[in-house]
Amino acid sequence: MDILRNYSFIIVALGTIILAMATGIIGSISVLKGKSLIGDAIGHSTYPGIVIAFMLSMEKSPIILLFGAAFAGAISFFLIDIISNNSKIDLDATLAIVLSSFFGLGMVLKSFIQGNPDYAGVSQSGLKNYIFGQASYIMKNDVKIIFIVSIFSILMLIAFYKEIKVYVFDEVYAKTIGINPGLMNTVILIATMLLITTGLKLVGAILISSMLIVPAITALQWTDRFHIMLIIAGVSGGISACIGTYISTAYDGMSTGSTIILIMSFISLLSMLVGPRGIRKMIVRKKYD
């Protein structure tokens, strides 16, 4: 119980819970649209932006680095959109190309600055944390940023809730009633990008996509109603973050971000087994077919 009163635990738990709830809600939209891996591609693509921002500014200001991450993520998204819509390459292949290319570029640039004398006098420690995350070291100001970004992303969803709901389930019908699919796509992209760039410090470029996808998969095992799915995704994400943060605090040497993702995955697998829309339903259906 002493852990629950520990200041560091409270700060880290608040940050991870708020982020996990917001990513679970916003990520559900991409999952329903069949574009869940776009978050993975954007997450990996942010790393070269972080390194380039460091190279240009010669400092590790979190705001500057996150602007670089957002810029690189936006470029990767537009590349994915251009390639998938103007070539015979399908979306999965496009995502793989962009993801590996951008992340590879980030690793090359990181190696370059490590061996370059021009950057010898500048501290490079901490850049690696944006790959795997370092949630246990977030500060009160980080939590404030996470809270503001998460609230802004959710408010965007609320403002366009009716339009997004129609767009998600029937894009053709959405067009016929005057809803602009491009605008809805942009709203979802902005909300996703903001959460990805904010969450890099917590879980890193590699695992941030899991925060967007796994809670949504969990929610789909329990309901097919849009608003209930969003609630379940947010709640399961928050619970996973709370449990994961507690475990990683209680046991030394455990990564907070990775532990949170493991708890999320466990809850998702459990939901697949016992949820009313999970594996059990499929087995019963096959039995009586």
Protein backbone atom coordinates (compact mmCIF):
# COMPACT_ATOMS: atom_id res chain seq x y z
CA MET A 1 0.00 0.00 0.00
CA ASP A 2 3.01 2.29 0.51
CA ILE A 3 3.50 2.29 -3.26
CA LEU A 4 0.07 3.85 -3.77
CA ARG A 5 1.14 6.82 -1.63
CA ASN A 6 4.52 7.14 -3.33
CA TYR A 7 4.81 10.49 -5.17
CA SER A 8 6.76 9.04 -8.11
CA PHE A 9 4.20 6.26 -8.55
CA ILE A 10 1.31 8.74 -8.50
CA ILE A 11 2.96 10.94 -11.17
CA VAL A 12 3.82 8.02 -13.46
CA ALA A 13 0.43 6.37 -12.92
CA LEU A 14 -1.46 9.57 -13.73
CA GLY A 15 0.52 10.08 -16.93
CA THR A 16 0.18 6.51 -18.17
CA ILE A 17 -3.50 6.15 -17.21
CA ILE A 18 -4.52 9.39 -18.95
CA LEU A 19 -2.53 8.51 -22.07
CA ALA A 20 -3.77 4.90 -22.18
CA MET A 21 -7.40 5.96 -21.86
CA ALA A 22 -7.08 8.55 -24.63
CA THR A 23 -5.15 6.27 -27.00
CA GLY A 24 -7.63 3.46 -26.40
CA ILE A 25 -10.53 5.71 -27.38
CA ILE A 26 -8.92 7.36 -30.42
CA GLY A 27 -7.24 4.14 -31.56
CA SER A 28 -10.63 2.41 -31.73
CA ILE A 29 -11.56 4.55 -34.73
CA SER A 30 -8.53 3.41 -36.73
CA VAL A 31 -9.20 -0.22 -35.79
CA LEU A 32 -12.82 0.02 -36.98
CA LYS A 33 -11.66 1.61 -40.24
CA GLY A 34 -9.26 -1.29 -40.81
CA LYS A 35 -6.25 1.02 -40.54
CA SER A 36 -4.90 -0.05 -37.18
CA LEU A 37 -1.34 -0.52 -38.44
CA ILE A 38 -1.14 3.09 -39.58
CA GLY A 39 -0.52 3.99 -35.94
CA ASP A 40 2.35 1.50 -35.89
CA ALA A 41 3.86 3.01 -39.04
CA ILE A 42 3.52 6.57 -37.75
CA GLY A 43 4.96 5.59 -34.36
CA HIS A 44 8.10 4.12 -35.93
CA SER A 45 8.33 7.01 -38.39
CA THR A 46 8.59 9.61 -35.65
CA TYR A 47 12.07 8.56 -34.59
CA PRO A 48 14.04 10.19 -37.45
CA GLY A 49 12.11 13.39 -36.75
CA ILE A 50 13.33 13.30 -33.15
CA VAL A 51 16.95 12.77 -34.21
CA ILE A 52 16.81 15.46 -36.93
CA ALA A 53 15.26 17.93 -34.46
CA PHE A 54 18.15 17.19 -32.09
CA MET A 55 20.70 17.65 -34.87
CA LEU A 56 19.25 21.02 -35.87
CA SER A 57 18.69 22.41 -32.38
CA MET A 58 21.73 20.82 -30.68
CA GLU A 59 19.63 20.32 -27.56
CA LYS A 60 17.16 17.80 -26.10
CA SER A 61 14.24 20.11 -25.45
CA PRO A 62 11.18 17.80 -25.24
CA ILE A 63 9.01 20.33 -27.10
CA ILE A 64 11.48 20.64 -30.00
CA LEU A 65 11.96 16.87 -30.22
CA LEU A 66 8.22 16.24 -30.19
CA PHE A 67 7.68 18.82 -32.94
CA GLY A 68 10.25 16.92 -34.99
CA ALA A 69 8.45 13.66 -34.22
CA ALA A 70 5.09 15.11 -35.27
CA PHE A 71 6.54 16.49 -38.50
CA ALA A 72 8.13 13.16 -39.46
CA GLY A 73 4.94 11.30 -38.53
CA ALA A 74 2.85 13.61 -40.71
CA ILE A 75 5.22 13.11 -43.66
CA SER A 76 5.01 9.34 -43.25
CA PHE A 77 1.21 9.46 -43.19
CA PHE A 78 1.00 11.49 -46.38
CA LEU A 79 3.51 9.16 -48.07
CA ILE A 80 1.37 6.18 -47.07
CA ASP A 81 -1.71 7.93 -48.43
CA ILE A 82 -0.05 8.89 -51.73
CA ILE A 83 1.52 5.47 -52.36
CA SER A 84 -1.57 3.42 -51.42
CA ASN A 85 -3.92 5.61 -53.49
CA ASN A 86 -1.73 6.07 -56.56
CA SER A 87 -0.05 2.71 -57.06
CA LYS A 88 -0.82 -0.99 -57.19
CA ILE A 89 0.93 -1.55 -53.87
CA ASP A 90 -1.59 -2.52 -51.19
CA LEU A 91 -1.82 -0.79 -47.82
CA ASP A 92 0.00 -3.48 -45.81
CA ALA A 93 3.01 -3.41 -48.13
CA THR A 94 3.01 0.39 -48.13
CA LEU A 95 2.99 0.46 -44.33
CA ALA A 96 5.90 -1.98 -44.20
CA ILE A 97 7.93 0.08 -46.67
CA VAL A 98 7.36 3.40 -44.92
CA LEU A 99 7.76 1.98 -41.39
CA SER A 100 11.07 0.24 -42.08
CA SER A 101 12.47 3.10 -44.18
CA PHE A 102 11.76 5.82 -41.64
CA PHE A 103 12.85 3.81 -38.61
CA GLY A 104 15.99 2.70 -40.44
CA LEU A 105 16.73 6.34 -41.27
CA GLY A 106 16.36 7.25 -37.61
CA MET A 107 18.83 4.55 -36.54
CA VAL A 108 21.33 5.62 -39.23
CA LEU A 109 21.12 9.26 -38.13
CA LYS A 110 21.54 8.25 -34.49
CA SER A 111 24.69 6.29 -35.37
CA PHE A 112 25.93 9.27 -37.41
CA ILE A 113 25.71 11.77 -34.56
CA GLN A 114 27.30 9.33 -32.12
CA GLY A 115 30.43 9.18 -34.25
CA ASN A 116 30.42 12.80 -35.43
CA PRO A 117 32.81 15.19 -33.61
CA ASP A 118 30.42 18.10 -34.25
CA TYR A 119 28.05 16.58 -31.69
CA ALA A 120 30.72 15.42 -29.25
CA GLY A 121 30.06 18.33 -26.88
CA VAL A 122 26.29 17.83 -26.87
CA SER A 123 24.67 15.31 -24.54
CA GLN A 124 22.96 12.60 -26.58
CA SER A 125 21.79 10.54 -23.63
CA GLY A 126 18.06 10.05 -23.63
CA LEU A 127 17.54 9.84 -27.39
CA LYS A 128 17.38 6.06 -27.08
CA ASN A 129 14.53 6.44 -24.60
CA TYR A 130 12.27 7.54 -27.44
CA ILE A 131 12.66 4.08 -28.99
CA PHE A 132 11.67 2.00 -25.95
CA GLY A 133 10.21 4.66 -23.66
CA GLN A 134 11.10 5.64 -20.10
CA ALA A 135 7.80 6.17 -18.31
CA SER A 136 9.32 5.86 -14.85
CA TYR A 137 11.18 9.15 -15.37
CA ILE A 138 8.30 11.40 -16.40
CA MET A 139 7.78 14.58 -14.38
CA LYS A 140 4.79 16.63 -13.27
CA ASN A 141 5.10 18.88 -16.34
CA ASP A 142 5.01 15.80 -18.60
CA VAL A 143 1.73 14.76 -16.99
CA LYS A 144 0.31 18.24 -17.61
CA ILE A 145 1.22 17.99 -21.32
CA ILE A 146 -0.28 14.49 -21.54
CA PHE A 147 -3.47 15.71 -19.88
CA ILE A 148 -3.84 18.74 -22.19
CA VAL A 149 -3.15 16.74 -25.36
CA SER A 150 -5.47 13.91 -24.30
CA ILE A 151 -8.32 16.29 -23.45
CA PHE A 152 -7.84 18.13 -26.75
CA SER A 153 -7.91 14.85 -28.71
CA ILE A 154 -11.08 13.68 -26.95
CA LEU A 155 -12.73 17.08 -27.48
CA MET A 156 -11.98 16.77 -31.21
CA LEU A 157 -13.74 13.40 -31.20
CA ILE A 158 -16.72 14.83 -29.30
CA ALA A 159 -16.99 17.81 -31.66
CA PHE A 160 -17.18 15.54 -34.72
CA TYR A 161 -18.70 12.50 -33.01
CA LYS A 162 -21.80 12.11 -35.21
CA GLU A 163 -19.86 12.67 -38.42
CA ILE A 164 -17.05 10.30 -37.42
CA LYS A 165 -19.54 7.60 -36.42
CA VAL A 166 -21.16 7.68 -39.88
CA TYR A 167 -17.77 7.93 -41.62
CA VAL A 168 -16.40 4.91 -39.76
CA PHE A 169 -19.27 2.57 -40.63
CA ASP A 170 -20.31 3.79 -44.09
CA GLU A 171 -18.01 6.19 -45.93
CA VAL A 172 -20.14 6.16 -49.09
CA TYR A 173 -23.28 7.11 -47.17
CA ALA A 174 -21.28 9.77 -45.31
CA LYS A 175 -20.45 11.40 -48.64
CA THR A 176 -24.07 11.37 -49.78
CA ILE A 177 -25.25 13.27 -46.69
CA GLY A 178 -22.54 15.91 -47.01
CA ILE A 179 -19.89 14.64 -44.63
CA ASN A 180 -16.37 15.31 -45.88
CA PRO A 181 -14.35 12.06 -45.49
CA GLY A 182 -11.11 13.98 -45.99
CA LEU A 183 -11.93 16.24 -43.05
CA MET A 184 -12.85 13.29 -40.84
CA ASN A 185 -9.62 11.55 -41.81
CA THR A 186 -7.66 14.69 -40.93
CA VAL A 187 -9.37 15.02 -37.54
CA ILE A 188 -8.56 11.40 -36.70
CA LEU A 189 -4.98 11.84 -37.95
CA ILE A 190 -4.37 14.96 -35.85
CA ALA A 191 -5.74 13.32 -32.70
CA THR A 192 -3.67 10.18 -33.34
CA MET A 193 -0.51 12.14 -34.13
CA LEU A 194 -0.81 14.23 -30.98
CA LEU A 195 -1.19 11.16 -28.79
CA ILE A 196 1.64 9.28 -30.50
CA THR A 197 4.13 12.12 -30.13
CA THR A 198 3.09 12.69 -26.52
CA GLY A 199 3.35 9.00 -25.67
CA LEU A 200 6.82 8.45 -27.14
CA LYS A 201 8.54 9.35 -23.87
CA LEU A 202 6.39 6.86 -21.98
CA VAL A 203 6.34 3.72 -24.13
CA GLY A 204 8.59 4.58 -27.09
CA ALA A 205 8.20 4.48 -30.86
CA ILE A 206 8.08 0.69 -30.98
CA LEU A 207 5.27 0.09 -28.48
CA ILE A 208 3.09 3.20 -28.84
CA SER A 209 0.95 1.54 -31.52
CA SER A 210 -0.06 -1.18 -29.03
CA MET A 211 -1.69 1.49 -26.87
CA LEU A 212 -3.80 2.48 -29.87
CA ILE A 213 -4.73 -1.02 -31.01
CA VAL A 214 -4.93 -3.46 -28.08
CA PRO A 215 -7.64 -1.69 -25.99
CA ALA A 216 -9.80 -1.43 -29.12
CA ILE A 217 -9.41 -5.17 -29.77
CA THR A 218 -10.42 -5.81 -26.16
CA ALA A 219 -13.53 -3.66 -26.52
CA LEU A 220 -14.60 -5.44 -29.72
CA GLN A 221 -14.85 -8.72 -27.77
CA TRP A 222 -17.58 -7.22 -25.58
CA THR A 223 -19.74 -4.99 -27.77
CA ASP A 224 -20.58 -3.94 -31.31
CA ARG A 225 -21.99 -0.55 -30.28
CA PHE A 226 -19.71 2.35 -31.14
CA HIS A 227 -20.04 4.50 -28.01
CA ILE A 228 -19.82 1.53 -25.66
CA MET A 229 -16.74 0.30 -27.50
CA LEU A 230 -15.04 3.66 -26.96
CA ILE A 231 -15.84 3.53 -23.24
CA ILE A 232 -14.59 -0.04 -22.82
CA ALA A 233 -11.41 0.72 -24.78
CA GLY A 234 -10.70 3.75 -22.61
CA VAL A 235 -11.42 1.94 -19.34
CA SER A 236 -9.39 -1.17 -20.25
CA GLY A 237 -6.49 1.03 -21.31
CA GLY A 238 -6.61 2.96 -18.04
CA ILE A 239 -6.84 -0.20 -15.91
CA SER A 240 -3.92 -1.77 -17.79
CA ALA A 241 -1.81 1.35 -17.25
CA CYS A 242 -2.60 1.42 -13.53
CA ILE A 243 -1.78 -2.26 -12.99
CA GLY A 244 1.31 -2.13 -15.21
CA THR A 245 2.67 0.94 -13.44
CA TYR A 246 2.07 -0.65 -10.03
CA ILE A 247 3.84 -3.89 -10.98
CA SER A 248 6.83 -2.11 -12.54
CA THR A 249 7.14 0.09 -9.43
CA ALA A 250 6.87 -2.85 -7.03
CA TYR A 251 9.50 -4.93 -8.83
CA ASP A 252 12.81 -3.27 -9.68
CA GLY A 253 14.16 -3.63 -13.19
CA MET A 254 10.80 -3.93 -14.94
CA SER A 255 10.08 -1.47 -17.75
CA THR A 256 6.87 0.46 -17.09
CA GLY A 257 5.85 0.81 -20.75
CA SER A 258 6.48 -2.84 -21.60
CA THR A 259 4.66 -4.02 -18.47
CA ILE A 260 1.62 -1.90 -19.36
CA ILE A 261 1.52 -3.40 -22.87
CA LEU A 262 1.79 -6.92 -21.40
CA ILE A 263 -1.17 -6.26 -19.09
CA MET A 264 -3.14 -4.81 -22.02
CA SER A 265 -2.40 -7.91 -24.09
CA PHE A 266 -3.38 -10.22 -21.22
CA ILE A 267 -6.73 -8.45 -20.78
CA SER A 268 -7.29 -8.58 -24.53
CA LEU A 269 -6.55 -12.32 -24.73
CA LEU A 270 -8.81 -12.95 -21.72
CA SER A 271 -11.57 -10.96 -23.41
CA MET A 272 -11.17 -13.04 -26.56
CA LEU A 273 -11.76 -16.17 -24.49
CA VAL A 274 -14.68 -15.06 -22.30
CA GLY A 275 -16.16 -12.04 -24.07
CA PRO A 276 -19.63 -12.42 -25.64
CA ARG A 277 -18.21 -11.54 -29.07
CA GLY A 278 -14.96 -13.46 -28.67
CA ILE A 279 -13.76 -16.96 -29.46
CA ARG A 280 -16.50 -18.56 -27.36
CA LYS A 281 -19.18 -17.09 -29.61
CA MET A 282 -17.40 -18.35 -32.73
CA ILE A 283 -17.11 -21.86 -31.28
CA VAL A 284 -20.81 -21.95 -30.34
CA ARG A 285 -21.78 -20.65 -33.77
CA LYS A 286 -19.72 -23.32 -35.55
CA LYS A 287 -21.20 -25.99 -33.28
CA TYR A 288 -24.76 -25.18 -34.35
CA ASP A 289 -24.05 -24.41 -38.02
